[in-house]
Amino acid sequence: MSDNFIRLLDNLIGDNMIGKVLKYMRSNKNLNQKDIAKAINIKQNTLSRYETETTDVNFETIEKIANLCGYTIYFKNNITGEKFNAKDLDRKDI
């Protein structure tokens, strides 16, 4: 994951702007909404509503879009520096 993308997430997530993050990932990979929608089996207008934040999107769908665009979503503890992704949780006892 690029440092620029990490900085973008740091700046946007707190402002509830996941739609802009989805659009950034898609645009950065030069994919259109139709390509993404077909690949993850949703309608193009649903993806459009996710990007404009007129419809809520679940984490599983966000992760599918991120993976399709070549990104991995990491969570970072700003105090300890620990970093993990959703797949790591499958391997940890919670």
Protein backbone atom coordinates (compact mmCIF):
# COMPACT_ATOMS: atom_id res chain seq x y z
CA MET A 1 0.00 0.00 0.00
CA SER A 2 1.41 3.35 -0.97
CA ASP A 3 2.25 5.99 1.63
CA ASN A 4 0.00 8.43 -0.25
CA PHE A 5 -2.96 6.07 0.09
CA ILE A 6 -2.30 5.58 3.80
CA ARG A 7 -2.21 9.36 4.27
CA LEU A 8 -5.44 9.66 2.29
CA LEU A 9 -7.13 7.11 4.54
CA ASP A 10 -5.81 8.83 7.66
CA ASN A 11 -7.32 12.11 6.47
CA LEU A 12 -10.64 10.77 5.21
CA ILE A 13 -11.81 7.97 7.45
CA GLY A 14 -12.41 10.25 10.40
CA ASP A 15 -14.64 12.40 8.20
CA ASN A 16 -16.84 9.46 7.15
CA MET A 17 -15.77 9.74 3.52
CA ILE A 18 -15.52 6.09 2.54
CA GLY A 19 -17.18 6.89 -0.80
CA LYS A 20 -14.21 9.04 -1.79
CA VAL A 21 -11.83 6.25 -0.78
CA LEU A 22 -13.73 3.75 -2.95
CA LYS A 23 -13.66 6.14 -5.90
CA TYR A 24 -9.96 6.86 -5.37
CA MET A 25 -9.06 3.16 -5.40
CA ARG A 26 -11.15 2.52 -8.51
CA SER A 27 -9.88 5.57 -10.40
CA ASN A 28 -6.27 4.89 -9.42
CA LYS A 29 -6.57 1.45 -11.05
CA ASN A 30 -8.20 3.02 -14.16
CA LEU A 31 -11.37 0.99 -13.70
CA ASN A 32 -14.88 2.24 -14.28
CA GLN A 33 -17.88 1.55 -12.09
CA LYS A 34 -19.23 -1.03 -14.52
CA ASP A 35 -15.98 -3.06 -14.35
CA ILE A 36 -15.95 -3.10 -10.54
CA ALA A 37 -19.67 -3.84 -10.26
CA LYS A 38 -19.45 -6.79 -12.62
CA ALA A 39 -16.39 -8.21 -10.85
CA ILE A 40 -18.01 -8.15 -7.40
CA ASN A 41 -21.52 -9.02 -8.63
CA ILE A 42 -23.39 -5.82 -7.80
CA LYS A 43 -25.22 -3.32 -10.01
CA GLN A 44 -23.33 -0.31 -11.31
CA ASN A 45 -25.85 2.08 -9.78
CA THR A 46 -25.28 0.43 -6.37
CA LEU A 47 -21.55 1.17 -6.63
CA SER A 48 -22.39 4.72 -7.65
CA ARG A 49 -24.52 5.10 -4.51
CA TYR A 50 -21.64 3.75 -2.40
CA GLU A 51 -19.27 6.32 -3.91
CA THR A 52 -21.71 9.18 -3.37
CA GLU A 53 -22.57 7.85 0.10
CA THR A 54 -26.30 7.72 -0.57
CA THR A 55 -26.21 4.02 0.39
CA ASP A 56 -24.17 2.47 3.18
CA VAL A 57 -21.58 -0.10 2.18
CA ASN A 58 -20.49 -3.03 4.36
CA PHE A 59 -16.90 -3.88 5.18
CA GLU A 60 -16.91 -7.06 3.08
CA THR A 61 -17.79 -5.07 -0.04
CA ILE A 62 -15.20 -2.40 0.75
CA GLU A 63 -12.58 -5.11 1.12
CA LYS A 64 -13.61 -6.77 -2.19
CA ILE A 65 -13.24 -3.45 -4.01
CA ALA A 66 -9.92 -2.74 -2.33
CA ASN A 67 -8.55 -6.19 -3.21
CA LEU A 68 -9.75 -5.90 -6.80
CA CYS A 69 -7.95 -2.56 -7.08
CA GLY A 70 -4.74 -3.97 -5.62
CA TYR A 71 -5.10 -2.63 -2.06
CA THR A 72 -5.16 -4.34 1.31
CA ILE A 73 -6.97 -2.70 4.20
CA TYR A 74 -4.86 -2.51 7.34
CA PHE A 75 -5.80 -1.32 10.79
CA LYS A 76 -3.05 0.33 12.78
CA ASN A 77 -2.90 0.97 16.49
CA ASN A 78 -1.41 4.44 16.72
CA ILE A 79 -0.16 3.80 20.25
CA THR A 80 1.54 0.43 19.86
CA GLY A 81 2.15 0.48 16.11
CA GLU A 82 0.49 -2.93 15.74
CA LYS A 83 -0.88 -3.44 12.24
CA PHE A 84 -3.33 -6.11 11.08
CA ASN A 85 -5.83 -6.82 8.35
CA ALA A 86 -9.08 -8.80 8.33
CA LYS A 87 -7.30 -12.01 7.31
CA ASP A 88 -5.02 -11.71 10.35
CA LEU A 89 -8.09 -11.84 12.58
CA ASP A 90 -8.85 -15.33 11.31
CA ARG A 91 -5.48 -16.44 12.69
CA LYS A 92 -5.75 -14.72 16.06
CA ASP A 93 -7.68 -15.76 19.13
CA ILE A 94 -10.01 -12.90 19.90
